[in-house]
Amino acid sequence: MGIAFGSINTGLPKDIVQQIMKAEKMPLVNMEKRKGKIDNKKQLVSELTQLVEGVRDHLAKNATSRSLREFKTDSRDDLVGVTVDKNVAQPGTYQLEVMQLAQKSSAMTSGFEDADESYIGVGYINYKLPNGESKEIYVDSENASLNKVSRLINKDANNGLRSTVVNDGSGSGEPWRLIVSLAETGDENNAEFPYFYFVDGENDFYLEFEREAHDAKVKLDGFELEISENKAKDIIPGVTLDLKKAAPGEEFTIQISEDVVAVTDKVQSLVETINGILDFVHTQNKMDDSTDTSQTLGGDSILQSLEGRIRGTVFQGIETKFGPRRLGDLGITFQKDGRLELDPKVLENKLNKGYDEVAQILTGYFPEGGLKTEGFMDKLGKTVNNLLRFPDGLLPSRSKGLQSKIDQIDRRITDKQRMLEQKEKNLKNKFARLESTISEIKSSGAGLAGMGGGGVTQLG
């Protein structure tokens, strides 16, 4: 039960302790406000750090000549799919003719009325792989249907044989057949077809149709080549051809060229990422008479230092084997509002004239017998890493300093709360004793009044 200090006994307000403690807690309120303002600044530093990390992430993906580069292809999509490894491929034009697709050894069995219910008998399937290894699959009465035999064959991924059950579409009374085939295509994967030995089935179970394996044949720039599968990875360096359809006599062009638009988009994305930092700096530095700089970064030296470092990086000269260059040679310049802007036409013209100069300006190059030079992305990467370096980089050290101030205020708040709790306890005890004393005095006064016929005045 709480202690009440009533005006009946002491003449003091009932909430006298609460009123005193409210006044005593005002410094706590002020410390919390100050802590909140510092925390707002710390969150802004965190936001700025994320923007700088965004630049670092972009550079990690595109800061080399190979990672920055992109290719586009032009070919007969209905006859061949083209995949380019940009780390190996080079621009070029090739003439291709798909004369024949590669195929694997395969065979189709005699027909049955039902894929699940027709009983094919008990027996085994014997076959040899291209390497001469013999294989055998036993079929008991529990698995004596087309679908169950197919599952037995496909159960072992290493047996070199695959199967499927099909309806031949003939409309006959026995349309269900089993197709078996070797896993690999090409002349070297020709093998003896399986031997079926089954007894007691509803119909004879045997291989009715067979097809030999053979290589794919293509003509590249007029020269005939044989390929063991329908994926050709070696005939054009850095290019994988996925042969889809044979078209003998139909020669077509495969063109591999620089994807100017894709590279321009990457550079534009980098410019926008840098502008994210510059926009943040300019927004924080916008101040008027109503701006509370105690909880923003407006005027903070960190902004001036960071912007200065980025600007300095943009204006640095760059060594290329084409001569000294600057980022502005690619159409990237500062505008009146302090932001960077890319002129896509300037960059695209540079790329159309040759990828190497653009790549060297952005990513550097290896001069003969020397160490790699630094392109703009290398220089920007150094700037960003210095800003983010833990623990002494500009951003981590600023965040650490703000956190230190927050921790210091937290300690002061804790100490103050502990002191106020003790003070409140002392006040309650003091007023409790006062209440008790007043009550005793009143009781004594009432007793004297009874004895003396009312000669003592009542207190309270």
Protein backbone atom coordinates (compact mmCIF):
# COMPACT_ATOMS: atom_id res chain seq x y z
CA MET A 1 0.00 0.00 0.00
CA GLY A 2 1.35 3.47 -0.94
CA ILE A 3 2.00 6.15 1.65
CA ALA A 4 -0.43 9.11 1.52
CA PHE A 5 0.42 12.48 2.97
CA GLY A 6 -2.93 14.07 3.67
CA SER A 7 -3.65 17.70 4.25
CA ILE A 8 -5.75 16.64 7.26
CA ASN A 9 -2.65 15.89 9.31
CA THR A 10 0.25 17.80 7.72
CA GLY A 11 -1.41 20.46 5.66
CA LEU A 12 0.78 19.40 2.67
CA PRO A 13 -0.50 18.26 -0.80
CA LYS A 14 -1.16 14.53 -1.13
CA ASP A 15 1.25 14.24 -4.13
CA ILE A 16 4.05 16.28 -2.60
CA VAL A 17 6.68 13.56 -3.28
CA GLN A 18 5.59 13.14 -6.91
CA GLN A 19 5.81 16.91 -7.43
CA ILE A 20 9.28 17.09 -5.94
CA MET A 21 10.49 14.11 -7.98
CA LYS A 22 9.02 15.51 -11.19
CA ALA A 23 11.17 18.60 -10.76
CA GLU A 24 14.19 16.47 -9.88
CA LYS A 25 13.75 14.38 -13.09
CA MET A 26 13.91 17.34 -15.47
CA PRO A 27 17.66 16.82 -16.10
CA LEU A 28 16.84 13.24 -17.16
CA VAL A 29 14.33 14.52 -19.74
CA ASN A 30 16.96 16.91 -21.10
CA MET A 31 19.57 14.16 -21.30
CA GLU A 32 17.14 11.89 -23.20
CA LYS A 33 16.45 14.72 -25.66
CA ARG A 34 20.15 15.28 -26.20
CA LYS A 35 20.71 11.55 -26.62
CA GLY A 36 17.90 11.42 -29.20
CA LYS A 37 19.51 14.19 -31.25
CA ILE A 38 22.88 12.43 -31.22
CA ASP A 39 21.19 9.16 -32.19
CA ASN A 40 19.53 10.94 -35.14
CA LYS A 41 22.99 12.03 -36.29
CA LYS A 42 24.31 8.50 -35.89
CA GLN A 43 21.46 7.15 -38.02
CA LEU A 44 22.29 9.72 -40.71
CA VAL A 45 25.94 8.62 -40.64
CA SER A 46 24.70 5.02 -41.01
CA GLU A 47 22.57 6.04 -43.99
CA LEU A 48 25.56 7.78 -45.57
CA THR A 49 27.70 4.70 -44.92
CA GLN A 50 25.18 2.52 -46.77
CA LEU A 51 25.31 4.86 -49.76
CA VAL A 52 29.11 4.63 -49.86
CA GLU A 53 28.91 0.84 -49.49
CA GLY A 54 26.58 0.85 -52.50
CA VAL A 55 29.38 2.35 -54.59
CA ARG A 56 31.79 -0.30 -53.31
CA ASP A 57 29.33 -3.07 -54.22
CA HIS A 58 28.92 -1.66 -57.73
CA LEU A 59 32.69 -1.54 -58.20
CA ALA A 60 33.05 -5.13 -57.00
CA LYS A 61 30.86 -6.25 -59.90
CA ASN A 62 32.21 -4.06 -62.70
CA ALA A 63 35.69 -2.73 -61.85
CA THR A 64 37.66 -4.95 -64.26
CA SER A 65 37.79 -4.81 -68.04
CA ARG A 66 36.20 -8.26 -68.28
CA SER A 67 33.42 -7.71 -65.74
CA LEU A 68 32.51 -4.34 -67.27
CA ARG A 69 32.33 -5.73 -70.80
CA GLU A 70 29.13 -7.11 -72.33
CA PHE A 71 28.46 -8.80 -75.67
CA LYS A 72 25.36 -9.20 -77.79
CA THR A 73 24.72 -11.87 -80.41
CA ASP A 74 22.77 -12.05 -83.64
CA SER A 75 21.98 -15.47 -85.17
CA ARG A 76 19.25 -17.87 -86.27
CA ASP A 77 17.56 -18.51 -82.92
CA ASP A 78 15.42 -21.30 -84.40
CA LEU A 79 18.52 -23.28 -85.41
CA VAL A 80 21.07 -22.51 -82.70
CA GLY A 81 21.26 -20.91 -79.26
CA VAL A 82 24.36 -18.81 -78.55
CA THR A 83 25.87 -18.26 -75.09
CA VAL A 84 28.90 -15.98 -74.72
CA ASP A 85 31.57 -16.17 -72.01
CA LYS A 86 32.64 -12.51 -71.97
CA ASN A 87 35.88 -13.43 -70.19
CA VAL A 88 37.08 -15.37 -73.24
CA ALA A 89 35.06 -14.35 -76.31
CA GLN A 90 36.01 -11.65 -78.78
CA PRO A 91 33.83 -9.76 -81.26
CA GLY A 92 33.59 -11.51 -84.62
CA THR A 93 31.37 -12.78 -87.42
CA TYR A 94 31.06 -16.47 -88.32
CA GLN A 95 29.21 -18.46 -90.99
CA LEU A 96 27.48 -21.60 -89.67
CA GLU A 97 25.46 -24.43 -91.20
CA VAL A 98 23.82 -27.13 -89.06
CA MET A 99 23.97 -30.19 -91.29
CA GLN A 100 23.03 -32.88 -88.76
CA LEU A 101 22.16 -33.06 -85.07
CA ALA A 102 23.89 -35.54 -82.77
CA GLN A 103 21.77 -38.46 -81.64
CA LYS A 104 22.10 -41.27 -79.13
CA SER A 105 21.63 -45.01 -79.51
CA SER A 106 17.98 -45.77 -78.87
CA ALA A 107 15.38 -48.44 -79.50
CA MET A 108 11.63 -48.97 -79.11
CA THR A 109 9.96 -52.19 -77.94
CA SER A 110 6.94 -54.07 -79.21
CA GLY A 111 3.53 -52.78 -78.11
CA PHE A 112 1.19 -53.65 -75.23
CA GLU A 113 -2.42 -52.81 -74.47
CA ASP A 114 -1.80 -50.98 -71.17
CA ALA A 115 1.30 -49.37 -69.63
CA ASP A 116 0.39 -50.46 -66.08
CA GLU A 117 -1.84 -53.52 -66.40
CA SER A 118 -0.37 -55.51 -69.29
CA TYR A 119 1.88 -58.33 -68.06
CA ILE A 120 5.17 -58.38 -69.98
CA GLY A 121 6.61 -61.43 -68.22
CA VAL A 122 9.63 -62.18 -66.04
CA GLY A 123 13.19 -61.91 -67.30
CA TYR A 124 16.17 -59.61 -67.70
CA ILE A 125 17.62 -56.89 -69.92
CA ASN A 126 21.24 -57.30 -70.90
CA TYR A 127 23.34 -54.64 -72.65
CA LYS A 128 26.86 -53.31 -73.11
CA LEU A 129 28.06 -49.75 -72.66
CA PRO A 130 30.35 -48.10 -75.24
CA ASN A 131 33.34 -48.89 -72.99
CA GLY A 132 32.53 -52.60 -73.22
CA GLU A 133 31.12 -52.93 -69.69
CA SER A 134 28.20 -55.38 -69.45
CA LYS A 135 25.07 -54.46 -67.54
CA GLU A 136 22.02 -56.50 -66.58
CA ILE A 137 18.66 -55.51 -65.12
CA TYR A 138 16.45 -58.28 -63.66
CA VAL A 139 12.65 -57.93 -63.79
CA ASP A 140 10.54 -60.04 -61.42
CA SER A 141 6.77 -60.58 -61.42
CA GLU A 142 6.24 -57.57 -59.10
CA ASN A 143 7.70 -55.24 -61.74
CA ALA A 144 6.32 -56.88 -64.87
CA SER A 145 4.66 -53.83 -66.48
CA LEU A 146 6.05 -51.24 -68.87
CA ASN A 147 5.97 -48.39 -66.33
CA LYS A 148 7.61 -50.48 -63.59
CA VAL A 149 10.37 -51.68 -65.91
CA SER A 150 11.00 -48.08 -66.93
CA ARG A 151 11.33 -47.11 -63.27
CA LEU A 152 13.81 -49.96 -62.69
CA ILE A 153 15.98 -48.74 -65.56
CA ASN A 154 15.89 -45.09 -64.46
CA LYS A 155 16.44 -45.94 -60.78
CA ASP A 156 20.20 -46.25 -61.23
CA ALA A 157 21.62 -42.96 -62.56
CA ASN A 158 24.96 -44.67 -63.31
CA ASN A 159 23.77 -47.53 -65.49
CA GLY A 160 24.18 -45.49 -68.71
CA LEU A 161 20.67 -46.33 -69.91
CA ARG A 162 17.49 -44.27 -69.84
CA SER A 163 13.91 -45.17 -70.67
CA THR A 164 10.43 -43.76 -71.08
CA VAL A 165 7.00 -45.22 -71.79
CA VAL A 166 5.09 -43.73 -74.72
CA ASN A 167 1.85 -44.14 -76.63
CA ASP A 168 2.85 -44.49 -80.28
CA GLY A 169 -0.37 -42.79 -81.42
CA SER A 170 -1.11 -45.53 -83.93
CA GLY A 171 -4.64 -46.08 -82.65
CA SER A 172 -4.01 -49.82 -82.49
CA GLY A 173 -5.05 -52.04 -79.59
CA GLU A 174 -1.45 -52.25 -78.37
CA PRO A 175 -0.06 -48.67 -78.55
CA TRP A 176 2.12 -48.63 -75.39
CA ARG A 177 5.84 -49.08 -75.92
CA LEU A 178 9.08 -48.70 -74.01
CA ILE A 179 11.85 -46.51 -75.48
CA VAL A 180 15.38 -47.17 -74.18
CA SER A 181 18.42 -45.07 -75.05
CA LEU A 182 22.00 -44.50 -73.99
CA ALA A 183 22.56 -41.33 -72.00
CA GLU A 184 25.24 -39.89 -74.31
CA THR A 185 25.17 -38.91 -77.99
CA GLY A 186 27.82 -39.25 -80.70
CA ASP A 187 29.73 -41.85 -82.71
CA GLU A 188 31.91 -42.79 -79.75
CA ASN A 189 28.81 -43.65 -77.74
CA ASN A 190 27.47 -46.26 -80.13
CA ALA A 191 26.73 -49.44 -78.22
CA GLU A 192 25.14 -52.80 -78.70
CA PHE A 193 21.39 -52.53 -78.23
CA PRO A 194 19.93 -54.27 -75.17
CA TYR A 195 18.95 -57.90 -75.36
CA PHE A 196 15.51 -58.67 -73.89
CA TYR A 197 14.85 -62.14 -72.48
CA PHE A 198 11.33 -62.45 -71.02
CA VAL A 199 8.96 -65.41 -70.56
CA ASP A 200 5.25 -65.88 -69.80
CA GLY A 201 4.21 -62.36 -70.93
CA GLU A 202 0.89 -61.53 -72.61
CA ASN A 203 2.86 -60.63 -75.77
CA ASP A 204 6.43 -61.07 -76.89
CA PHE A 205 8.60 -58.31 -75.38
CA TYR A 206 11.41 -57.35 -77.78
CA LEU A 207 13.05 -54.39 -79.50
CA GLU A 208 11.11 -53.66 -82.67
CA PHE A 209 12.87 -50.44 -83.83
CA GLU A 210 16.48 -49.31 -83.42
CA ARG A 211 18.46 -46.10 -84.12
CA GLU A 212 22.24 -45.80 -84.14
CA ALA A 213 24.11 -42.96 -82.40
CA HIS A 214 26.03 -40.46 -84.49
CA ASP A 215 27.80 -37.11 -84.19
CA ALA A 216 26.41 -33.70 -85.05
CA LYS A 217 27.82 -32.16 -88.21
CA VAL A 218 28.23 -28.45 -88.80
CA LYS A 219 30.07 -26.23 -91.21
CA LEU A 220 31.93 -23.29 -89.72
CA ASP A 221 33.09 -20.73 -92.26
CA GLY A 222 32.73 -23.44 -94.90
CA PHE A 223 34.67 -26.19 -93.11
CA GLU A 224 32.84 -29.34 -91.98
CA LEU A 225 33.21 -30.33 -88.33
CA GLU A 226 31.86 -33.27 -86.31
CA ILE A 227 30.72 -32.79 -82.71
CA SER A 228 29.80 -35.58 -80.30
CA GLU A 229 26.87 -33.67 -78.78
CA ASN A 230 24.48 -30.88 -79.67
CA LYS A 231 26.38 -28.40 -77.50
CA ALA A 232 29.54 -27.09 -79.18
CA LYS A 233 31.85 -25.33 -76.70
CA ASP A 234 35.15 -25.27 -78.52
CA ILE A 235 34.66 -24.36 -82.16
CA ILE A 236 34.32 -20.59 -81.44
CA PRO A 237 36.45 -19.39 -78.47
CA GLY A 238 34.30 -18.32 -75.53
CA VAL A 239 31.06 -19.25 -77.31
CA THR A 240 28.74 -22.19 -76.63
CA LEU A 241 26.47 -23.22 -79.49
CA ASP A 242 23.29 -25.11 -78.58
CA LEU A 243 22.25 -26.85 -81.79
CA LYS A 244 18.45 -26.98 -82.02
CA LYS A 245 17.59 -28.10 -85.54
CA ALA A 246 19.37 -29.45 -88.61
CA ALA A 247 19.01 -27.35 -91.77
CA PRO A 248 21.38 -28.73 -94.44
CA GLY A 249 22.20 -26.16 -97.10
CA GLU A 250 21.05 -23.17 -94.96
CA GLU A 251 24.14 -21.19 -94.05
CA PHE A 252 23.59 -18.30 -91.64
CA THR A 253 25.64 -15.69 -89.78
CA ILE A 254 26.53 -15.59 -86.08
CA GLN A 255 27.66 -12.12 -85.08
CA ILE A 256 29.22 -11.34 -81.71
CA SER A 257 29.60 -7.62 -81.00
CA GLU A 258 30.08 -5.18 -78.15
CA ASP A 259 26.84 -4.48 -76.28
CA VAL A 260 27.24 -0.72 -76.19
CA VAL A 261 23.87 -0.16 -74.51
CA ALA A 262 24.57 -2.64 -71.68
CA VAL A 263 27.99 -1.10 -70.89
CA THR A 264 26.49 2.40 -71.01
CA ASP A 265 23.80 1.29 -68.56
CA LYS A 266 26.47 0.00 -66.17
CA VAL A 267 28.33 3.31 -66.26
CA GLN A 268 25.06 5.21 -65.83
CA SER A 269 24.26 3.06 -62.81
CA LEU A 270 27.66 3.91 -61.28
CA VAL A 271 27.05 7.63 -61.85
CA GLU A 272 23.64 7.38 -60.18
CA THR A 273 25.16 5.53 -57.21
CA ILE A 274 27.74 8.29 -56.73
CA ASN A 275 24.98 10.89 -57.09
CA GLY A 276 23.16 9.20 -54.23
CA ILE A 277 26.03 10.25 -51.96
CA LEU A 278 26.24 13.78 -53.40
CA ASP A 279 22.46 14.25 -53.08
CA PHE A 280 22.62 13.20 -49.43
CA VAL A 281 25.42 15.72 -48.75
CA HIS A 282 23.56 18.57 -50.46
CA THR A 283 20.29 17.75 -48.68
CA GLN A 284 21.99 17.77 -45.27
CA ASN A 285 23.73 21.05 -46.04
CA LYS A 286 20.49 22.83 -46.91
CA MET A 287 19.85 25.07 -43.88
CA ASP A 288 17.63 28.01 -42.97
CA ASP A 289 16.62 29.82 -39.77
CA SER A 290 14.41 26.90 -38.70
CA THR A 291 16.98 24.14 -39.26
CA ASP A 292 17.97 22.27 -36.09
CA THR A 293 21.61 21.43 -36.82
CA SER A 294 21.90 19.67 -33.47
CA GLN A 295 20.19 16.61 -34.95
CA THR A 296 21.27 16.79 -38.61
CA LEU A 297 24.67 16.67 -40.29
CA GLY A 298 24.27 20.15 -41.74
CA GLY A 299 27.61 21.92 -41.66
CA ASP A 300 29.36 18.80 -40.32
CA SER A 301 32.99 18.52 -41.47
CA ILE A 302 32.37 14.90 -42.46
CA LEU A 303 30.21 16.07 -45.37
CA GLN A 304 32.77 18.52 -46.67
CA SER A 305 35.57 15.98 -46.38
CA LEU A 306 33.61 13.20 -48.10
CA GLU A 307 32.41 15.38 -50.98
CA GLY A 308 35.91 16.79 -51.44
CA ARG A 309 37.41 13.30 -51.72
CA ILE A 310 34.86 12.19 -54.32
CA ARG A 311 35.35 15.36 -56.38
CA GLY A 312 39.12 14.96 -56.19
CA THR A 313 38.82 11.38 -57.47
CA VAL A 314 36.62 12.42 -60.40
CA PHE A 315 39.10 15.10 -61.50
CA GLN A 316 42.21 12.91 -61.29
CA GLY A 317 44.11 12.22 -64.49
CA ILE A 318 44.15 8.65 -65.86
CA GLU A 319 46.99 6.96 -67.70
CA THR A 320 46.09 4.90 -70.79
CA LYS A 321 48.10 3.64 -73.74
CA PHE A 322 46.10 6.13 -75.80
CA GLY A 323 47.57 8.95 -73.73
CA PRO A 324 46.42 10.87 -70.62
CA ARG A 325 42.66 10.82 -70.13
CA ARG A 326 40.03 12.06 -67.67
CA LEU A 327 36.58 10.83 -66.75
CA GLY A 328 35.15 13.76 -68.70
CA ASP A 329 36.41 12.14 -71.92
CA LEU A 330 33.60 9.59 -71.48
CA GLY A 331 30.94 12.31 -71.14
CA ILE A 332 30.82 12.30 -67.32
CA THR A 333 30.93 15.83 -65.88
CA PHE A 334 29.79 17.80 -62.84
CA GLN A 335 26.71 19.99 -63.26
CA LYS A 336 25.85 23.32 -61.61
CA ASP A 337 23.78 21.53 -58.96
CA GLY A 338 26.86 19.57 -57.89
CA ARG A 339 25.71 16.25 -59.36
CA LEU A 340 27.48 14.11 -61.95
CA GLU A 341 25.84 13.61 -65.31
CA LEU A 342 26.61 11.14 -68.10
CA ASP A 343 26.08 12.09 -71.73
CA PRO A 344 25.19 8.66 -73.19
CA LYS A 345 25.94 9.72 -76.76
CA VAL A 346 29.55 10.62 -75.89
CA LEU A 347 30.12 7.27 -74.18
CA GLU A 348 28.39 5.29 -76.92
CA ASN A 349 30.51 6.99 -79.59
CA LYS A 350 33.64 6.06 -77.64
CA LEU A 351 32.48 2.44 -77.32
CA ASN A 352 31.62 2.21 -81.03
CA LYS A 353 35.14 3.38 -81.87
CA GLY A 354 36.66 0.74 -79.60
CA TYR A 355 36.08 -0.84 -76.22
CA ASP A 356 39.72 -0.75 -75.10
CA GLU A 357 40.03 3.01 -74.56
CA VAL A 358 36.81 3.13 -72.51
CA ALA A 359 37.92 0.12 -70.47
CA GLN A 360 41.34 1.63 -69.77
CA ILE A 361 39.84 4.94 -68.60
CA LEU A 362 37.49 3.11 -66.25
CA THR A 363 39.45 0.04 -65.18
CA GLY A 364 43.12 0.67 -66.06
CA TYR A 365 45.38 -1.64 -68.08
CA PHE A 366 48.61 -3.65 -67.96
CA PRO A 367 51.38 -1.89 -69.87
CA GLU A 368 53.95 -4.20 -71.40
CA GLY A 369 56.41 -5.25 -68.72
CA GLY A 370 54.82 -3.01 -66.08
CA LEU A 371 52.31 -3.01 -63.26
CA LYS A 372 48.63 -2.36 -63.84
CA THR A 373 47.66 1.30 -64.08
CA GLU A 374 44.72 2.69 -62.13
CA GLY A 375 41.51 3.54 -63.95
CA PHE A 376 38.77 5.71 -62.51
CA MET A 377 37.10 2.75 -60.82
CA ASP A 378 40.39 1.76 -59.16
CA LYS A 379 40.88 5.30 -57.86
CA LEU A 380 37.26 5.50 -56.69
CA GLY A 381 37.63 2.11 -55.01
CA LYS A 382 40.60 3.40 -52.99
CA THR A 383 38.65 6.49 -51.97
CA VAL A 384 35.65 4.43 -50.89
CA ASN A 385 37.76 1.89 -49.00
CA ASN A 386 39.50 4.69 -47.11
CA LEU A 387 36.13 6.18 -46.17
CA LEU A 388 34.85 2.81 -44.94
CA ARG A 389 38.07 1.42 -43.40
CA PHE A 390 37.46 0.14 -39.88
CA PRO A 391 38.08 1.52 -37.33
CA ASP A 392 39.84 4.68 -38.48
CA GLY A 393 38.00 5.46 -41.72
CA LEU A 394 36.07 8.73 -41.90
CA LEU A 395 32.64 7.09 -41.53
CA PRO A 396 33.39 4.36 -38.93
CA SER A 397 35.29 6.81 -36.71
CA ARG A 398 32.45 9.35 -36.88
CA SER A 399 29.90 6.70 -36.02
CA LYS A 400 32.10 5.45 -33.19
CA GLY A 401 32.43 8.98 -31.79
CA LEU A 402 28.67 9.50 -31.79
CA GLN A 403 28.08 6.11 -30.17
CA SER A 404 30.62 7.04 -27.49
CA LYS A 405 28.61 10.17 -26.68
CA ILE A 406 25.40 8.11 -26.51
CA ASP A 407 27.07 5.60 -24.17
CA GLN A 408 28.31 8.43 -21.97
CA ILE A 409 24.82 9.92 -21.68
CA ASP A 410 23.39 6.46 -20.93
CA ARG A 411 25.83 6.09 -18.04
CA ARG A 412 24.88 9.52 -16.69
CA ILE A 413 21.19 8.66 -17.01
CA THR A 414 21.72 5.41 -15.12
CA ASP A 415 23.62 7.17 -12.33
CA LYS A 416 21.00 9.90 -12.11
CA GLN A 417 18.13 7.38 -12.00
CA ARG A 418 19.84 5.47 -9.21
CA MET A 419 20.33 8.70 -7.22
CA LEU A 420 16.70 9.77 -7.80
CA GLU A 421 15.37 6.39 -6.69
CA GLN A 422 17.26 6.78 -3.41
CA LYS A 423 16.08 10.36 -3.01
CA GLU A 424 12.45 9.37 -3.59
CA LYS A 425 12.79 6.64 -1.01
CA ASN A 426 14.27 9.12 1.51
CA LEU A 427 11.48 11.65 0.88
CA LYS A 428 8.80 9.03 1.42
CA ASN A 429 10.42 7.99 4.68
CA LYS A 430 10.80 11.63 5.80
CA PHE A 431 7.15 12.47 5.15
CA ALA A 432 6.02 9.23 6.73
CA ARG A 433 7.85 10.20 9.90
CA LEU A 434 6.35 13.71 9.72
CA GLU A 435 2.87 12.22 9.37
CA SER A 436 3.48 10.01 12.38
CA THR A 437 4.81 12.93 14.48
CA ILE A 438 1.84 15.16 13.63
CA SER A 439 -0.55 12.35 14.51
CA GLU A 440 1.10 11.87 17.88
CA ILE A 441 0.96 15.60 18.61
CA LYS A 442 -2.73 15.68 17.74
CA SER A 443 -3.42 12.72 19.99
CA SER A 444 -1.56 14.38 22.88
CA GLY A 445 -3.45 17.63 22.34
CA ALA A 446 -6.78 15.87 22.40
CA GLY A 447 -5.87 14.17 25.71
CA LEU A 448 -4.86 17.45 27.35
CA ALA A 449 -8.03 19.12 26.17
CA GLY A 450 -10.09 16.40 27.89
CA MET A 451 -8.19 16.78 31.15
CA GLY A 452 -8.13 20.57 31.26
CA GLY A 453 -11.61 21.23 30.05
CA GLY A 454 -10.66 22.48 26.64
CA GLY A 455 -7.71 24.68 27.59
CA VAL A 456 -5.48 23.34 24.69
CA THR A 457 -6.11 24.39 21.10
CA GLN A 458 -6.47 21.52 18.56
CA LEU A 459 -3.63 21.39 16.00
CA GLY A 460 -4.24 20.80 12.31
